[in-house]
Amino acid sequence: MAVFGLLAATLGVVGLVAPDALLTVMGFEPVPDASRADGDHTLVFLTASSMAALNMGVYYVLAALADWKPFFRWTVPFRLLTCAVFTLAVVTGRAPAGFLGVGLWEGLGALVTGAALRYENRAGKSAVA
């Protein structure tokens, strides 16, 4: 949880400070400001998404520091949903192939979190028995 939180917060900061760098990492071709069409709100959306990622990253780090297991459990289905939505965006041509990595990162993170929670739950029950 802490690693995911640190990565999310870091990418959020990158998006706020260097939006073109974040676009490149996600597989999008940055468009120079001078070439943007009137009404292109890409940078506004990127700013909002980056701020959300920064906040989310901090929430994850704080939850990890507090060892807040219910929060960890809540993240699993929603990260799987995020994986499905992002993967579908690539499959339908709404996003470039490079964006698939974002979806796979979410899915893998959800599966690892779920497996770790299951392992801890079983280990705890074994220790009590």
C-alpha atoms as a PDB file:
ATOM      1  CA  MET A   1       0.000   0.000   0.000  1.00  0.00           C
ATOM      2  CA  ALA A   2       2.775   2.395   0.897  1.00  0.00           C
ATOM      3  CA  VAL A   3       4.661   1.706  -2.344  1.00  0.00           C
ATOM      4  CA  PHE A   4       1.544   2.285  -4.426  1.00  0.00           C
ATOM      5  CA  GLY A   5       0.832   5.437  -2.448  1.00  0.00           C
ATOM      6  CA  LEU A   6       4.327   6.797  -2.963  1.00  0.00           C
ATOM      7  CA  LEU A   7       4.159   6.067  -6.703  1.00  0.00           C
ATOM      8  CA  ALA A   8       0.716   7.668  -7.048  1.00  0.00           C
ATOM      9  CA  ALA A   9       1.813  10.751  -5.116  1.00  0.00           C
ATOM     10  CA  THR A  10       5.024  11.013  -7.134  1.00  0.00           C
ATOM     11  CA  LEU A  11       3.195  10.739 -10.462  1.00  0.00           C
ATOM     12  CA  GLY A  12       0.686  13.295  -9.206  1.00  0.00           C
ATOM     13  CA  VAL A  13       3.503  15.738  -8.507  1.00  0.00           C
ATOM     14  CA  VAL A  14       5.048  15.006 -11.918  1.00  0.00           C
ATOM     15  CA  GLY A  15       1.702  15.753 -13.567  1.00  0.00           C
ATOM     16  CA  LEU A  16       1.431  19.057 -11.721  1.00  0.00           C
ATOM     17  CA  VAL A  17       5.016  20.127 -12.350  1.00  0.00           C
ATOM     18  CA  ALA A  18       5.748  18.594 -15.777  1.00  0.00           C
ATOM     19  CA  PRO A  19       2.478  17.537 -17.436  1.00  0.00           C
ATOM     20  CA  ASP A  20       4.143  16.672 -20.753  1.00  0.00           C
ATOM     21  CA  ALA A  21       6.436  14.210 -18.975  1.00  0.00           C
ATOM     22  CA  LEU A  22       3.441  12.470 -17.432  1.00  0.00           C
ATOM     23  CA  LEU A  23       1.647  12.332 -20.784  1.00  0.00           C
ATOM     24  CA  THR A  24       4.718  10.717 -22.321  1.00  0.00           C
ATOM     25  CA  VAL A  25       4.972   8.129 -19.529  1.00  0.00           C
ATOM     26  CA  MET A  26       1.325   7.183 -20.133  1.00  0.00           C
ATOM     27  CA  GLY A  27       1.869   6.752 -23.853  1.00  0.00           C
ATOM     28  CA  PHE A  28       0.334  10.015 -25.047  1.00  0.00           C
ATOM     29  CA  GLU A  29       2.052  12.381 -27.467  1.00  0.00           C
ATOM     30  CA  PRO A  30       2.343  15.803 -25.791  1.00  0.00           C
ATOM     31  CA  VAL A  31       1.022  18.711 -27.844  1.00  0.00           C
ATOM     32  CA  PRO A  32       2.969  21.989 -27.610  1.00  0.00           C
ATOM     33  CA  ASP A  33       0.925  24.752 -26.005  1.00  0.00           C
ATOM     34  CA  ALA A  34       1.122  26.841 -29.182  1.00  0.00           C
ATOM     35  CA  SER A  35      -0.458  23.989 -31.156  1.00  0.00           C
ATOM     36  CA  ARG A  36      -3.406  23.430 -28.819  1.00  0.00           C
ATOM     37  CA  ALA A  37      -6.795  24.204 -30.276  1.00  0.00           C
ATOM     38  CA  ASP A  38      -9.117  26.654 -28.571  1.00  0.00           C
ATOM     39  CA  GLY A  39     -11.185  24.729 -26.076  1.00  0.00           C
ATOM     40  CA  ASP A  40      -8.507  22.046 -25.545  1.00  0.00           C
ATOM     41  CA  HIS A  41      -8.763  21.391 -21.836  1.00  0.00           C
ATOM     42  CA  THR A  42      -6.222  18.565 -21.694  1.00  0.00           C
ATOM     43  CA  LEU A  43      -4.007  20.415 -19.223  1.00  0.00           C
ATOM     44  CA  VAL A  44      -6.962  21.270 -16.990  1.00  0.00           C
ATOM     45  CA  PHE A  45      -7.983  17.623 -16.888  1.00  0.00           C
ATOM     46  CA  LEU A  46      -4.379  16.564 -16.305  1.00  0.00           C
ATOM     47  CA  THR A  47      -4.056  19.055 -13.438  1.00  0.00           C
ATOM     48  CA  ALA A  48      -7.235  17.721 -11.814  1.00  0.00           C
ATOM     49  CA  SER A  49      -6.173  14.091 -12.311  1.00  0.00           C
ATOM     50  CA  SER A  50      -2.684  14.786 -11.012  1.00  0.00           C
ATOM     51  CA  MET A  51      -4.024  16.497  -7.901  1.00  0.00           C
ATOM     52  CA  ALA A  52      -6.341  13.522  -7.324  1.00  0.00           C
ATOM     53  CA  ALA A  53      -3.383  11.134  -7.725  1.00  0.00           C
ATOM     54  CA  LEU A  54      -1.338  13.154  -5.237  1.00  0.00           C
ATOM     55  CA  ASN A  55      -4.171  13.110  -2.704  1.00  0.00           C
ATOM     56  CA  MET A  56      -4.871   9.418  -3.277  1.00  0.00           C
ATOM     57  CA  GLY A  57      -1.193   8.618  -2.846  1.00  0.00           C
ATOM     58  CA  VAL A  58      -1.112  10.401   0.485  1.00  0.00           C
ATOM     59  CA  TYR A  59      -4.266   8.524   1.600  1.00  0.00           C
ATOM     60  CA  TYR A  60      -2.622   5.209   0.727  1.00  0.00           C
ATOM     61  CA  VAL A  61       0.582   6.069   2.601  1.00  0.00           C
ATOM     62  CA  LEU A  62      -1.370   7.200   5.675  1.00  0.00           C
ATOM     63  CA  ALA A  63      -3.531   4.057   5.557  1.00  0.00           C
ATOM     64  CA  ALA A  64      -0.380   1.930   5.324  1.00  0.00           C
ATOM     65  CA  LEU A  65       1.209   3.725   8.276  1.00  0.00           C
ATOM     66  CA  ALA A  66      -1.974   3.150  10.296  1.00  0.00           C
ATOM     67  CA  ASP A  67      -2.207  -0.477   9.058  1.00  0.00           C
ATOM     68  CA  TRP A  68      -5.847   0.240   8.222  1.00  0.00           C
ATOM     69  CA  LYS A  69      -6.956  -3.135   6.831  1.00  0.00           C
ATOM     70  CA  PRO A  70     -10.543  -2.123   5.936  1.00  0.00           C
ATOM     71  CA  PHE A  71      -9.149   0.554   3.603  1.00  0.00           C
ATOM     72  CA  PHE A  72      -6.870  -2.034   1.992  1.00  0.00           C
ATOM     73  CA  ARG A  73      -9.867  -4.327   1.373  1.00  0.00           C
ATOM     74  CA  TRP A  74     -11.932  -1.499  -0.114  1.00  0.00           C
ATOM     75  CA  THR A  75      -9.225  -0.753  -2.664  1.00  0.00           C
ATOM     76  CA  VAL A  76      -9.215  -4.231  -4.209  1.00  0.00           C
ATOM     77  CA  PRO A  77     -12.543  -4.164  -6.119  1.00  0.00           C
ATOM     78  CA  PHE A  78     -12.132  -0.537  -7.148  1.00  0.00           C
ATOM     79  CA  ARG A  79      -8.616  -1.091  -8.462  1.00  0.00           C
ATOM     80  CA  LEU A  80      -9.905  -4.092 -10.414  1.00  0.00           C
ATOM     81  CA  LEU A  81     -12.633  -1.846 -11.831  1.00  0.00           C
ATOM     82  CA  THR A  82     -10.003   0.740 -12.765  1.00  0.00           C
ATOM     83  CA  CYS A  83      -8.000  -1.995 -14.493  1.00  0.00           C
ATOM     84  CA  ALA A  84     -11.058  -3.037 -16.501  1.00  0.00           C
ATOM     85  CA  VAL A  85     -11.976   0.529 -17.507  1.00  0.00           C
ATOM     86  CA  PHE A  86      -8.428   1.491 -18.509  1.00  0.00           C
ATOM     87  CA  THR A  87      -7.920  -1.767 -20.423  1.00  0.00           C
ATOM     88  CA  LEU A  88     -11.226  -1.257 -22.215  1.00  0.00           C
ATOM     89  CA  ALA A  89     -10.146   2.284 -23.127  1.00  0.00           C
ATOM     90  CA  VAL A  90      -7.101   0.831 -24.907  1.00  0.00           C
ATOM     91  CA  VAL A  91      -9.014  -2.038 -26.534  1.00  0.00           C
ATOM     92  CA  THR A  92     -11.669   0.337 -27.924  1.00  0.00           C
ATOM     93  CA  GLY A  93      -9.083   2.803 -29.228  1.00  0.00           C
ATOM     94  CA  ARG A  94      -9.963   5.530 -26.757  1.00  0.00           C
ATOM     95  CA  ALA A  95      -6.432   5.473 -25.334  1.00  0.00           C
ATOM     96  CA  PRO A  96      -3.028   4.544 -26.787  1.00  0.00           C
ATOM     97  CA  ALA A  97      -1.498   1.125 -26.162  1.00  0.00           C
ATOM     98  CA  GLY A  98       0.975   2.631 -23.673  1.00  0.00           C
ATOM     99  CA  PHE A  99      -1.946   3.384 -21.370  1.00  0.00           C
ATOM    100  CA  LEU A 100      -2.479  -0.357 -20.929  1.00  0.00           C
ATOM    101  CA  GLY A 101       0.397  -0.314 -18.447  1.00  0.00           C
ATOM    102  CA  VAL A 102      -1.623   1.924 -16.140  1.00  0.00           C
ATOM    103  CA  GLY A 103      -4.520  -0.533 -16.175  1.00  0.00           C
ATOM    104  CA  LEU A 104      -2.255  -3.526 -15.649  1.00  0.00           C
ATOM    105  CA  TRP A 105      -0.496  -1.770 -12.766  1.00  0.00           C
ATOM    106  CA  GLU A 106      -3.888  -1.260 -11.097  1.00  0.00           C
ATOM    107  CA  GLY A 107      -4.954  -4.845 -11.697  1.00  0.00           C
ATOM    108  CA  LEU A 108      -1.683  -6.317 -10.470  1.00  0.00           C
ATOM    109  CA  GLY A 109      -1.766  -4.062  -7.421  1.00  0.00           C
ATOM    110  CA  ALA A 110      -5.305  -5.190  -6.608  1.00  0.00           C
ATOM    111  CA  LEU A 111      -4.396  -8.867  -6.950  1.00  0.00           C
ATOM    112  CA  VAL A 112      -1.269  -8.527  -4.801  1.00  0.00           C
ATOM    113  CA  THR A 113      -3.190  -6.573  -2.159  1.00  0.00           C
ATOM    114  CA  GLY A 114      -5.996  -9.149  -2.132  1.00  0.00           C
ATOM    115  CA  ALA A 115      -3.536 -12.034  -1.889  1.00  0.00           C
ATOM    116  CA  ALA A 116      -1.621 -10.360   0.947  1.00  0.00           C
ATOM    117  CA  LEU A 117      -4.822  -9.709   2.877  1.00  0.00           C
ATOM    118  CA  ARG A 118      -5.931 -13.318   2.388  1.00  0.00           C
ATOM    119  CA  TYR A 119      -2.509 -14.610   3.505  1.00  0.00           C
ATOM    120  CA  GLU A 120      -2.531 -12.422   6.625  1.00  0.00           C
ATOM    121  CA  ASN A 121      -6.093 -13.468   7.439  1.00  0.00           C
ATOM    122  CA  ARG A 122      -5.228 -17.184   7.147  1.00  0.00           C
ATOM    123  CA  ALA A 123      -1.974 -16.769   9.079  1.00  0.00           C
ATOM    124  CA  GLY A 124      -3.865 -14.963  11.839  1.00  0.00           C
ATOM    125  CA  LYS A 125      -6.447 -17.733  12.077  1.00  0.00           C
ATOM    126  CA  SER A 126      -3.712 -20.390  12.172  1.00  0.00           C
ATOM    127  CA  ALA A 127      -1.931 -18.579  15.004  1.00  0.00           C
ATOM    128  CA  VAL A 128      -5.155 -18.459  17.049  1.00  0.00           C
ATOM    129  CA  ALA A 129      -5.997 -22.126  16.492  1.00  0.00           C
END
